[in-house]
């Protein structure tokens, strides 16, 4: 007999939720506590808002070779791989542009009138000097790994908790599942409607991950106009897209997170080719106006019904 155990907390600037089905409830709770501790340790390493983090130290040593930890090496290698795979649309080097848009502090502390956006004039992530052990950032480069780290963490925590039993890990909308709830053939995950109405869709997920990227969250309005956190590296400004959101499904949460953003950023005439370039990717596109559309695989997962208490 398995029991459902849950844990909710806040980290990485967002709400986190772990759900597991464990043979031993007390053991399951201990596993969730350990997973929360691991999540917080990852935040302490990768947050740009923590002055003592490894990422903050890396950004401070511009022009000098810096030896990095195993976790940082893994994420940097993955980030470079995805930068090239997306044709540069995924670019962690947009931090100076993100700060010029006003996101120079945690979202809860943003000053809407601090935005001073301008044309992008810094190095791209491809200019990072990296040999697998040490890294050197050229002058003008400062990086933000927040999104990719969230997806990467969801995968790692889901793998960790899968030893307990079927598990769903939700890191602020980056959702990874392993196994299925007892008596069920899939997890049912509600996808948030950007218009703040009923759920946009309910998706059946048996394994892998879902990530949603949109311009409707993390928005602020000040003297410079309405800003949001999705920076187009081609312009250095918050993206102007015909889409309000993209829901991405992939076997890995880290890939779903990266490509949901990049599909939203891509120009409409090139979007189909970009989606096809990522094996295993399925998407639902939510336009600013009109009816959501998606790939056949993603639409086939849509059902009517309530979710397992989880929303992407």
C-alpha atoms as a PDB file:
ATOM      1  CA  UNK A   1       0.000   0.000   0.000  1.00  0.00           C
ATOM      2  CA  UNK A   2       1.501   3.297  -1.068  1.00  0.00           C
ATOM      3  CA  UNK A   3       0.739   6.694   0.408  1.00  0.00           C
ATOM      4  CA  UNK A   4       0.816  10.082  -1.272  1.00  0.00           C
ATOM      5  CA  UNK A   5       3.253  12.510   0.349  1.00  0.00           C
ATOM      6  CA  UNK A   6       3.738  16.133  -0.632  1.00  0.00           C
ATOM      7  CA  UNK A   7       6.017  19.023   0.153  1.00  0.00           C
ATOM      8  CA  UNK A   8       5.679  22.664  -0.874  1.00  0.00           C
ATOM      9  CA  UNK A   9       8.151  25.464  -0.363  1.00  0.00           C
ATOM     10  CA  UNK A  10       9.554  28.533  -2.086  1.00  0.00           C
ATOM     11  CA  UNK A  11      12.983  28.701  -3.722  1.00  0.00           C
ATOM     12  CA  UNK A  12      14.588  30.135  -6.855  1.00  0.00           C
ATOM     13  CA  UNK A  13      12.043  32.935  -6.699  1.00  0.00           C
ATOM     14  CA  UNK A  14       9.091  30.628  -7.306  1.00  0.00           C
ATOM     15  CA  UNK A  15       6.805  28.040  -5.714  1.00  0.00           C
ATOM     16  CA  UNK A  16       7.999  24.442  -5.583  1.00  0.00           C
ATOM     17  CA  UNK A  17       5.970  21.275  -5.089  1.00  0.00           C
ATOM     18  CA  UNK A  18       7.000  17.640  -4.804  1.00  0.00           C
ATOM     19  CA  UNK A  19       4.463  14.782  -4.908  1.00  0.00           C
ATOM     20  CA  UNK A  20       5.492  11.168  -4.368  1.00  0.00           C
ATOM     21  CA  UNK A  21       3.803   7.837  -3.736  1.00  0.00           C
ATOM     22  CA  UNK A  22       5.822   5.952  -1.141  1.00  0.00           C
ATOM     23  CA  UNK A  23       5.514   2.553   0.499  1.00  0.00           C
ATOM     24  CA  UNK A  24       6.553   4.222   3.768  1.00  0.00           C
ATOM     25  CA  UNK A  25       5.060   7.665   4.392  1.00  0.00           C
ATOM     26  CA  UNK A  26       7.695   8.666   6.943  1.00  0.00           C
ATOM     27  CA  UNK A  27      10.487   7.580   4.624  1.00  0.00           C
ATOM     28  CA  UNK A  28       8.809   9.420   1.778  1.00  0.00           C
ATOM     29  CA  UNK A  29       8.664  12.634   3.784  1.00  0.00           C
ATOM     30  CA  UNK A  30      12.346  12.321   4.659  1.00  0.00           C
ATOM     31  CA  UNK A  31      13.127  11.890   0.967  1.00  0.00           C
ATOM     32  CA  UNK A  32      11.148  15.042   0.137  1.00  0.00           C
ATOM     33  CA  UNK A  33      12.991  16.964   2.847  1.00  0.00           C
ATOM     34  CA  UNK A  34      16.315  15.841   1.396  1.00  0.00           C
ATOM     35  CA  UNK A  35      15.135  16.868  -2.070  1.00  0.00           C
ATOM     36  CA  UNK A  36      14.212  20.321  -0.788  1.00  0.00           C
ATOM     37  CA  UNK A  37      17.641  20.648   0.799  1.00  0.00           C
ATOM     38  CA  UNK A  38      19.270  19.655  -2.492  1.00  0.00           C
ATOM     39  CA  UNK A  39      17.160  22.219  -4.365  1.00  0.00           C
ATOM     40  CA  UNK A  40      18.219  24.976  -1.972  1.00  0.00           C
ATOM     41  CA  UNK A  41      21.887  24.019  -2.298  1.00  0.00           C
ATOM     42  CA  UNK A  42      21.592  24.299  -6.084  1.00  0.00           C
ATOM     43  CA  UNK A  43      20.003  27.733  -5.688  1.00  0.00           C
ATOM     44  CA  UNK A  44      22.883  28.785  -3.423  1.00  0.00           C
ATOM     45  CA  UNK A  45      25.342  27.820  -6.171  1.00  0.00           C
ATOM     46  CA  UNK A  46      23.589  29.230  -9.231  1.00  0.00           C
ATOM     47  CA  UNK A  47      21.546  32.272  -8.109  1.00  0.00           C
ATOM     48  CA  UNK A  48      22.621  35.629  -9.508  1.00  0.00           C
ATOM     49  CA  UNK A  49      20.865  37.250  -6.549  1.00  0.00           C
ATOM     50  CA  UNK A  50      23.142  35.629  -3.940  1.00  0.00           C
ATOM     51  CA  UNK A  51      26.459  37.472  -3.727  1.00  0.00           C
ATOM     52  CA  UNK A  52      28.298  34.408  -2.420  1.00  0.00           C
ATOM     53  CA  UNK A  53      27.046  32.042  -5.140  1.00  0.00           C
ATOM     54  CA  UNK A  54      29.455  30.398  -7.534  1.00  0.00           C
ATOM     55  CA  UNK A  55      27.713  32.141 -10.440  1.00  0.00           C
ATOM     56  CA  UNK A  56      28.135  35.568  -8.824  1.00  0.00           C
ATOM     57  CA  UNK A  57      31.832  34.881  -8.289  1.00  0.00           C
ATOM     58  CA  UNK A  58      32.165  33.734 -11.890  1.00  0.00           C
ATOM     59  CA  UNK A  59      30.514  36.921 -13.143  1.00  0.00           C
ATOM     60  CA  UNK A  60      32.888  38.971 -10.970  1.00  0.00           C
ATOM     61  CA  UNK A  61      36.067  37.473 -12.470  1.00  0.00           C
ATOM     62  CA  UNK A  62      35.715  38.834 -15.991  1.00  0.00           C
ATOM     63  CA  UNK A  63      38.744  38.084 -18.150  1.00  0.00           C
ATOM     64  CA  UNK A  64      40.339  35.645 -15.708  1.00  0.00           C
ATOM     65  CA  UNK A  65      40.297  31.825 -15.933  1.00  0.00           C
ATOM     66  CA  UNK A  66      38.149  30.363 -13.157  1.00  0.00           C
ATOM     67  CA  UNK A  67      38.004  26.713 -12.111  1.00  0.00           C
ATOM     68  CA  UNK A  68      34.405  25.619 -11.591  1.00  0.00           C
ATOM     69  CA  UNK A  69      32.587  22.921  -9.635  1.00  0.00           C
ATOM     70  CA  UNK A  70      31.313  19.719 -11.197  1.00  0.00           C
ATOM     71  CA  UNK A  71      27.711  21.007 -11.173  1.00  0.00           C
ATOM     72  CA  UNK A  72      28.703  24.307 -12.759  1.00  0.00           C
ATOM     73  CA  UNK A  73      30.751  22.473 -15.384  1.00  0.00           C
ATOM     74  CA  UNK A  74      27.758  20.279 -16.259  1.00  0.00           C
ATOM     75  CA  UNK A  75      25.381  23.230 -16.607  1.00  0.00           C
ATOM     76  CA  UNK A  76      27.846  25.374 -18.577  1.00  0.00           C
ATOM     77  CA  UNK A  77      28.511  22.523 -20.986  1.00  0.00           C
ATOM     78  CA  UNK A  78      24.788  21.945 -21.438  1.00  0.00           C
ATOM     79  CA  UNK A  79      24.167  25.673 -21.887  1.00  0.00           C
ATOM     80  CA  UNK A  80      26.810  25.929 -24.623  1.00  0.00           C
ATOM     81  CA  UNK A  81      25.337  22.887 -26.340  1.00  0.00           C
ATOM     82  CA  UNK A  82      21.858  24.441 -26.292  1.00  0.00           C
ATOM     83  CA  UNK A  83      23.164  27.843 -27.388  1.00  0.00           C
ATOM     84  CA  UNK A  84      24.497  26.269 -30.573  1.00  0.00           C
ATOM     85  CA  UNK A  85      21.504  23.935 -31.056  1.00  0.00           C
ATOM     86  CA  UNK A  86      19.060  26.864 -30.958  1.00  0.00           C
ATOM     87  CA  UNK A  87      21.102  29.031 -33.307  1.00  0.00           C
ATOM     88  CA  UNK A  88      21.902  31.452 -30.488  1.00  0.00           C
ATOM     89  CA  UNK A  89      18.304  32.027 -29.368  1.00  0.00           C
ATOM     90  CA  UNK A  90      19.196  30.526 -26.020  1.00  0.00           C
ATOM     91  CA  UNK A  91      21.862  32.889 -24.707  1.00  0.00           C
ATOM     92  CA  UNK A  92      22.668  33.101 -20.984  1.00  0.00           C
ATOM     93  CA  UNK A  93      24.851  36.137 -21.736  1.00  0.00           C
ATOM     94  CA  UNK A  94      21.754  38.370 -21.865  1.00  0.00           C
ATOM     95  CA  UNK A  95      22.126  39.310 -18.183  1.00  0.00           C
ATOM     96  CA  UNK A  96      23.202  42.924 -18.944  1.00  0.00           C
ATOM     97  CA  UNK A  97      20.095  43.318 -21.128  1.00  0.00           C
ATOM     98  CA  UNK A  98      17.901  41.751 -18.467  1.00  0.00           C
ATOM     99  CA  UNK A  99      19.229  44.222 -15.918  1.00  0.00           C
ATOM    100  CA  UNK A 100      18.701  47.157 -18.295  1.00  0.00           C
ATOM    101  CA  UNK A 101      15.084  46.054 -18.620  1.00  0.00           C
ATOM    102  CA  UNK A 102      14.830  46.492 -14.835  1.00  0.00           C
ATOM    103  CA  UNK A 103      15.277  42.902 -13.668  1.00  0.00           C
ATOM    104  CA  UNK A 104      18.396  43.723 -11.668  1.00  0.00           C
ATOM    105  CA  UNK A 105      17.067  42.356  -8.371  1.00  0.00           C
ATOM    106  CA  UNK A 106      14.657  39.617  -7.322  1.00  0.00           C
ATOM    107  CA  UNK A 107      11.284  39.880  -9.010  1.00  0.00           C
ATOM    108  CA  UNK A 108       9.529  40.745  -5.747  1.00  0.00           C
ATOM    109  CA  UNK A 109      11.841  43.766  -5.378  1.00  0.00           C
ATOM    110  CA  UNK A 110      11.768  45.112  -8.954  1.00  0.00           C
ATOM    111  CA  UNK A 111      11.602  48.892  -9.349  1.00  0.00           C
ATOM    112  CA  UNK A 112       9.324  49.384 -12.405  1.00  0.00           C
ATOM    113  CA  UNK A 113      10.992  52.718 -13.191  1.00  0.00           C
ATOM    114  CA  UNK A 114      14.537  51.310 -13.191  1.00  0.00           C
ATOM    115  CA  UNK A 115      14.343  50.075 -16.793  1.00  0.00           C
ATOM    116  CA  UNK A 116      16.816  51.653 -19.210  1.00  0.00           C
ATOM    117  CA  UNK A 117      16.679  49.301 -22.219  1.00  0.00           C
ATOM    118  CA  UNK A 118      18.965  49.869 -25.162  1.00  0.00           C
ATOM    119  CA  UNK A 119      20.584  47.965 -28.020  1.00  0.00           C
ATOM    120  CA  UNK A 120      22.543  44.871 -27.069  1.00  0.00           C
ATOM    121  CA  UNK A 121      26.292  45.479 -27.270  1.00  0.00           C
ATOM    122  CA  UNK A 122      27.844  42.664 -25.242  1.00  0.00           C
ATOM    123  CA  UNK A 123      29.460  39.360 -26.159  1.00  0.00           C
ATOM    124  CA  UNK A 124      27.304  36.320 -26.905  1.00  0.00           C
ATOM    125  CA  UNK A 125      27.542  33.052 -25.016  1.00  0.00           C
ATOM    126  CA  UNK A 126      29.513  31.566 -27.913  1.00  0.00           C
ATOM    127  CA  UNK A 127      32.402  33.840 -26.866  1.00  0.00           C
ATOM    128  CA  UNK A 128      32.759  32.025 -23.553  1.00  0.00           C
ATOM    129  CA  UNK A 129      36.153  30.332 -23.271  1.00  0.00           C
ATOM    130  CA  UNK A 130      35.552  26.883 -21.850  1.00  0.00           C
ATOM    131  CA  UNK A 131      37.687  23.751 -21.670  1.00  0.00           C
ATOM    132  CA  UNK A 132      35.434  21.609 -19.516  1.00  0.00           C
ATOM    133  CA  UNK A 133      37.201  22.525 -16.255  1.00  0.00           C
ATOM    134  CA  UNK A 134      37.929  26.257 -16.334  1.00  0.00           C
ATOM    135  CA  UNK A 135      36.023  29.146 -17.829  1.00  0.00           C
ATOM    136  CA  UNK A 136      36.920  32.679 -18.847  1.00  0.00           C
ATOM    137  CA  UNK A 137      34.259  35.260 -19.582  1.00  0.00           C
ATOM    138  CA  UNK A 138      35.313  38.041 -21.967  1.00  0.00           C
ATOM    139  CA  UNK A 139      34.867  41.718 -21.142  1.00  0.00           C
ATOM    140  CA  UNK A 140      31.210  42.715 -21.051  1.00  0.00           C
ATOM    141  CA  UNK A 141      29.863  39.193 -20.534  1.00  0.00           C
ATOM    142  CA  UNK A 142      27.780  38.370 -17.474  1.00  0.00           C
ATOM    143  CA  UNK A 143      25.561  35.334 -17.483  1.00  0.00           C
ATOM    144  CA  UNK A 144      22.231  34.259 -16.026  1.00  0.00           C
ATOM    145  CA  UNK A 145      21.594  30.513 -15.793  1.00  0.00           C
ATOM    146  CA  UNK A 146      18.277  30.720 -13.963  1.00  0.00           C
ATOM    147  CA  UNK A 147      15.985  29.054 -16.514  1.00  0.00           C
ATOM    148  CA  UNK A 148      18.234  26.204 -17.569  1.00  0.00           C
ATOM    149  CA  UNK A 149      19.186  25.495 -13.957  1.00  0.00           C
ATOM    150  CA  UNK A 150      15.521  25.209 -12.989  1.00  0.00           C
ATOM    151  CA  UNK A 151      14.898  22.581 -15.663  1.00  0.00           C
ATOM    152  CA  UNK A 152      18.172  20.808 -14.872  1.00  0.00           C
ATOM    153  CA  UNK A 153      17.236  20.729 -11.189  1.00  0.00           C
ATOM    154  CA  UNK A 154      13.774  19.325 -11.935  1.00  0.00           C
ATOM    155  CA  UNK A 155      15.382  16.407 -13.789  1.00  0.00           C
ATOM    156  CA  UNK A 156      17.883  15.732 -11.017  1.00  0.00           C
ATOM    157  CA  UNK A 157      15.338  15.920  -8.211  1.00  0.00           C
ATOM    158  CA  UNK A 158      12.898  13.688 -10.109  1.00  0.00           C
ATOM    159  CA  UNK A 159      15.642  11.088 -10.587  1.00  0.00           C
ATOM    160  CA  UNK A 160      16.516  11.338  -6.887  1.00  0.00           C
ATOM    161  CA  UNK A 161      12.920  10.908  -5.715  1.00  0.00           C
ATOM    162  CA  UNK A 162      12.120   8.118  -8.187  1.00  0.00           C
ATOM    163  CA  UNK A 163      13.833   5.763  -5.724  1.00  0.00           C
ATOM    164  CA  UNK A 164      10.874   6.355  -3.398  1.00  0.00           C
ATOM    165  CA  UNK A 165       8.180   5.623  -5.987  1.00  0.00           C
ATOM    166  CA  UNK A 166       6.165   7.472  -8.636  1.00  0.00           C
ATOM    167  CA  UNK A 167       6.968  11.163  -8.367  1.00  0.00           C
ATOM    168  CA  UNK A 168       6.069  14.542  -9.794  1.00  0.00           C
ATOM    169  CA  UNK A 169       8.433  17.479  -9.300  1.00  0.00           C
ATOM    170  CA  UNK A 170       7.123  20.982 -10.021  1.00  0.00           C
ATOM    171  CA  UNK A 171       9.675  23.783  -9.878  1.00  0.00           C
ATOM    172  CA  UNK A 172       7.603  26.830 -10.692  1.00  0.00           C
ATOM    173  CA  UNK A 173       6.137  25.296 -13.848  1.00  0.00           C
ATOM    174  CA  UNK A 174       9.101  23.147 -14.854  1.00  0.00           C
ATOM    175  CA  UNK A 175       7.526  19.738 -14.230  1.00  0.00           C
ATOM    176  CA  UNK A 176       9.264  16.363 -14.363  1.00  0.00           C
ATOM    177  CA  UNK A 177       7.583  13.021 -13.675  1.00  0.00           C
ATOM    178  CA  UNK A 178       8.859   9.527 -13.097  1.00  0.00           C
ATOM    179  CA  UNK A 179       6.389   6.633 -12.914  1.00  0.00           C
ATOM    180  CA  UNK A 180       2.623   7.078 -12.614  1.00  0.00           C
ATOM    181  CA  UNK A 181       0.275   7.327  -9.610  1.00  0.00           C
ATOM    182  CA  UNK A 182      -1.117   4.030  -8.307  1.00  0.00           C
ATOM    183  CA  UNK A 183      -4.127   2.934 -10.333  1.00  0.00           C
ATOM    184  CA  UNK A 184      -3.505   5.598 -12.978  1.00  0.00           C
ATOM    185  CA  UNK A 185      -1.928   5.354 -16.424  1.00  0.00           C
ATOM    186  CA  UNK A 186      -0.565   8.914 -16.339  1.00  0.00           C
ATOM    187  CA  UNK A 187      -0.243  12.120 -14.352  1.00  0.00           C
ATOM    188  CA  UNK A 188      -2.787  14.765 -15.330  1.00  0.00           C
ATOM    189  CA  UNK A 189      -1.267  18.245 -15.416  1.00  0.00           C
ATOM    190  CA  UNK A 190      -3.330  21.398 -15.927  1.00  0.00           C
ATOM    191  CA  UNK A 191      -1.733  24.042 -18.121  1.00  0.00           C
ATOM    192  CA  UNK A 192      -2.375  27.579 -16.916  1.00  0.00           C
ATOM    193  CA  UNK A 193      -4.401  29.857 -19.156  1.00  0.00           C
ATOM    194  CA  UNK A 194      -2.491  33.127 -19.789  1.00  0.00           C
ATOM    195  CA  UNK A 195      -5.809  34.972 -19.732  1.00  0.00           C
ATOM    196  CA  UNK A 196      -6.226  33.843 -16.081  1.00  0.00           C
ATOM    197  CA  UNK A 197      -9.376  31.961 -16.949  1.00  0.00           C
ATOM    198  CA  UNK A 198      -9.971  28.196 -16.651  1.00  0.00           C
ATOM    199  CA  UNK A 199      -7.071  25.866 -17.370  1.00  0.00           C
ATOM    200  CA  UNK A 200      -5.955  26.051 -20.989  1.00  0.00           C
ATOM    201  CA  UNK A 201      -5.636  22.274 -21.197  1.00  0.00           C
ATOM    202  CA  UNK A 202      -5.141  19.156 -19.141  1.00  0.00           C
ATOM    203  CA  UNK A 203      -2.289  16.994 -20.377  1.00  0.00           C
ATOM    204  CA  UNK A 204      -1.656  13.343 -19.626  1.00  0.00           C
ATOM    205  CA  UNK A 205       2.018  12.740 -18.921  1.00  0.00           C
ATOM    206  CA  UNK A 206       3.446   9.280 -18.327  1.00  0.00           C
ATOM    207  CA  UNK A 207       7.118  10.216 -18.245  1.00  0.00           C
ATOM    208  CA  UNK A 208       9.369  13.136 -19.046  1.00  0.00           C
ATOM    209  CA  UNK A 209       8.638  16.806 -18.557  1.00  0.00           C
ATOM    210  CA  UNK A 210       6.543  19.884 -19.286  1.00  0.00           C
ATOM    211  CA  UNK A 211       7.707  23.489 -19.251  1.00  0.00           C
ATOM    212  CA  UNK A 212       5.728  26.627 -20.003  1.00  0.00           C
ATOM    213  CA  UNK A 213       7.275  29.916 -21.073  1.00  0.00           C
ATOM    214  CA  UNK A 214       5.252  33.077 -21.474  1.00  0.00           C
ATOM    215  CA  UNK A 215       5.298  36.841 -21.496  1.00  0.00           C
ATOM    216  CA  UNK A 216       2.299  37.000 -19.132  1.00  0.00           C
ATOM    217  CA  UNK A 217       4.379  36.220 -16.046  1.00  0.00           C
ATOM    218  CA  UNK A 218       7.153  38.329 -14.549  1.00  0.00           C
ATOM    219  CA  UNK A 219       5.943  41.538 -16.181  1.00  0.00           C
ATOM    220  CA  UNK A 220       6.300  45.073 -14.873  1.00  0.00           C
ATOM    221  CA  UNK A 221       5.295  48.489 -16.146  1.00  0.00           C
ATOM    222  CA  UNK A 222       7.123  51.744 -15.498  1.00  0.00           C
ATOM    223  CA  UNK A 223       8.331  54.879 -17.201  1.00  0.00           C
ATOM    224  CA  UNK A 224       9.953  52.867 -20.021  1.00  0.00           C
ATOM    225  CA  UNK A 225       6.747  50.939 -20.732  1.00  0.00           C
ATOM    226  CA  UNK A 226       5.802  47.321 -20.126  1.00  0.00           C
ATOM    227  CA  UNK A 227       8.716  44.945 -19.662  1.00  0.00           C
ATOM    228  CA  UNK A 228       9.044  41.198 -19.122  1.00  0.00           C
ATOM    229  CA  UNK A 229      11.845  38.739 -18.417  1.00  0.00           C
ATOM    230  CA  UNK A 230      12.103  37.021 -21.836  1.00  0.00           C
ATOM    231  CA  UNK A 231      14.933  38.865 -23.566  1.00  0.00           C
ATOM    232  CA  UNK A 232      15.459  38.430 -27.304  1.00  0.00           C
ATOM    233  CA  UNK A 233      19.267  38.177 -27.684  1.00  0.00           C
ATOM    234  CA  UNK A 234      18.997  39.586 -31.220  1.00  0.00           C
ATOM    235  CA  UNK A 235      17.661  42.915 -29.951  1.00  0.00           C
ATOM    236  CA  UNK A 236      18.613  42.996 -26.273  1.00  0.00           C
ATOM    237  CA  UNK A 237      15.027  43.903 -25.393  1.00  0.00           C
ATOM    238  CA  UNK A 238      12.036  42.003 -23.979  1.00  0.00           C
ATOM    239  CA  UNK A 239      10.722  39.857 -26.817  1.00  0.00           C
ATOM    240  CA  UNK A 240       7.937  41.099 -29.051  1.00  0.00           C
ATOM    241  CA  UNK A 241       6.207  37.865 -30.057  1.00  0.00           C
ATOM    242  CA  UNK A 242       2.963  36.825 -31.712  1.00  0.00           C
ATOM    243  CA  UNK A 243       2.723  34.226 -28.941  1.00  0.00           C
ATOM    244  CA  UNK A 244       1.817  34.815 -25.315  1.00  0.00           C
ATOM    245  CA  UNK A 245       2.999  31.369 -24.209  1.00  0.00           C
ATOM    246  CA  UNK A 246       4.541  28.091 -25.354  1.00  0.00           C
ATOM    247  CA  UNK A 247       4.018  24.765 -23.600  1.00  0.00           C
ATOM    248  CA  UNK A 248       6.855  22.343 -24.347  1.00  0.00           C
ATOM    249  CA  UNK A 249       6.941  18.596 -23.680  1.00  0.00           C
ATOM    250  CA  UNK A 250      10.171  16.620 -23.833  1.00  0.00           C
ATOM    251  CA  UNK A 251      11.754  13.638 -22.067  1.00  0.00           C
ATOM    252  CA  UNK A 252      14.019  16.098 -20.194  1.00  0.00           C
ATOM    253  CA  UNK A 253      12.815  19.136 -18.253  1.00  0.00           C
ATOM    254  CA  UNK A 254      15.991  21.067 -19.015  1.00  0.00           C
ATOM    255  CA  UNK A 255      15.362  20.761 -22.759  1.00  0.00           C
ATOM    256  CA  UNK A 256      11.666  21.595 -22.389  1.00  0.00           C
ATOM    257  CA  UNK A 257      12.573  24.756 -20.457  1.00  0.00           C
ATOM    258  CA  UNK A 258      15.157  25.980 -22.977  1.00  0.00           C
ATOM    259  CA  UNK A 259      13.093  25.253 -26.069  1.00  0.00           C
ATOM    260  CA  UNK A 260       9.807  26.636 -24.733  1.00  0.00           C
ATOM    261  CA  UNK A 261      11.523  30.023 -24.485  1.00  0.00           C
ATOM    262  CA  UNK A 262      13.273  29.741 -27.843  1.00  0.00           C
ATOM    263  CA  UNK A 263      10.124  28.701 -29.710  1.00  0.00           C
ATOM    264  CA  UNK A 264       8.370  31.758 -28.267  1.00  0.00           C
ATOM    265  CA  UNK A 265      11.273  33.990 -29.340  1.00  0.00           C
ATOM    266  CA  UNK A 266      11.561  32.626 -32.867  1.00  0.00           C
ATOM    267  CA  UNK A 267       9.983  34.462 -35.796  1.00  0.00           C
ATOM    268  CA  UNK A 268       6.754  32.830 -37.054  1.00  0.00           C
ATOM    269  CA  UNK A 269       8.153  31.915 -40.480  1.00  0.00           C
ATOM    270  CA  UNK A 270      11.070  30.053 -38.912  1.00  0.00           C
ATOM    271  CA  UNK A 271       9.297  28.476 -35.961  1.00  0.00           C
ATOM    272  CA  UNK A 272       8.382  25.144 -37.575  1.00  0.00           C
ATOM    273  CA  UNK A 273      11.997  24.524 -38.568  1.00  0.00           C
ATOM    274  CA  UNK A 274      13.192  25.320 -35.050  1.00  0.00           C
ATOM    275  CA  UNK A 275      10.701  22.891 -33.487  1.00  0.00           C
ATOM    276  CA  UNK A 276      11.751  20.170 -35.936  1.00  0.00           C
ATOM    277  CA  UNK A 277      15.398  20.699 -34.960  1.00  0.00           C
ATOM    278  CA  UNK A 278      14.795  19.305 -31.447  1.00  0.00           C
ATOM    279  CA  UNK A 279      14.104  15.541 -31.478  1.00  0.00           C
ATOM    280  CA  UNK A 280      11.379  14.524 -29.058  1.00  0.00           C
ATOM    281  CA  UNK A 281       9.991  18.045 -28.655  1.00  0.00           C
ATOM    282  CA  UNK A 282       6.226  18.580 -28.682  1.00  0.00           C
ATOM    283  CA  UNK A 283       4.651  22.011 -28.256  1.00  0.00           C
ATOM    284  CA  UNK A 284       1.421  23.883 -27.799  1.00  0.00           C
ATOM    285  CA  UNK A 285       1.550  27.456 -29.104  1.00  0.00           C
ATOM    286  CA  UNK A 286      -0.701  30.013 -27.435  1.00  0.00           C
ATOM    287  CA  UNK A 287      -1.095  33.084 -29.670  1.00  0.00           C
ATOM    288  CA  UNK A 288      -1.768  36.588 -28.429  1.00  0.00           C
ATOM    289  CA  UNK A 289      -5.136  36.259 -30.123  1.00  0.00           C
ATOM    290  CA  UNK A 290      -6.709  33.141 -31.572  1.00  0.00           C
ATOM    291  CA  UNK A 291      -6.875  29.443 -30.818  1.00  0.00           C
ATOM    292  CA  UNK A 292      -3.903  27.504 -29.379  1.00  0.00           C
ATOM    293  CA  UNK A 293      -2.307  25.099 -31.823  1.00  0.00           C
ATOM    294  CA  UNK A 294       0.177  22.323 -31.297  1.00  0.00           C
ATOM    295  CA  UNK A 295       2.030  19.381 -32.683  1.00  0.00           C
ATOM    296  CA  UNK A 296       0.089  16.165 -33.040  1.00  0.00           C
ATOM    297  CA  UNK A 297       1.783  14.505 -30.102  1.00  0.00           C
ATOM    298  CA  UNK A 298       1.037  17.361 -27.739  1.00  0.00           C
ATOM    299  CA  UNK A 299      -2.578  17.668 -28.818  1.00  0.00           C
ATOM    300  CA  UNK A 300      -3.051  13.918 -28.404  1.00  0.00           C
ATOM    301  CA  UNK A 301      -2.168  14.301 -24.714  1.00  0.00           C
ATOM    302  CA  UNK A 302      -4.946  16.853 -24.125  1.00  0.00           C
ATOM    303  CA  UNK A 303      -7.923  15.577 -22.166  1.00  0.00           C
ATOM    304  CA  UNK A 304     -10.831  16.879 -20.179  1.00  0.00           C
ATOM    305  CA  UNK A 305     -10.579  16.408 -16.441  1.00  0.00           C
ATOM    306  CA  UNK A 306      -8.969  17.713 -13.310  1.00  0.00           C
ATOM    307  CA  UNK A 307      -5.239  17.633 -12.651  1.00  0.00           C
ATOM    308  CA  UNK A 308      -3.396  15.866  -9.851  1.00  0.00           C
ATOM    309  CA  UNK A 309      -3.364  19.166  -7.975  1.00  0.00           C
ATOM    310  CA  UNK A 310      -0.632  20.465 -10.267  1.00  0.00           C
ATOM    311  CA  UNK A 311      -0.565  23.293 -12.794  1.00  0.00           C
ATOM    312  CA  UNK A 312       2.196  24.021 -15.277  1.00  0.00           C
END
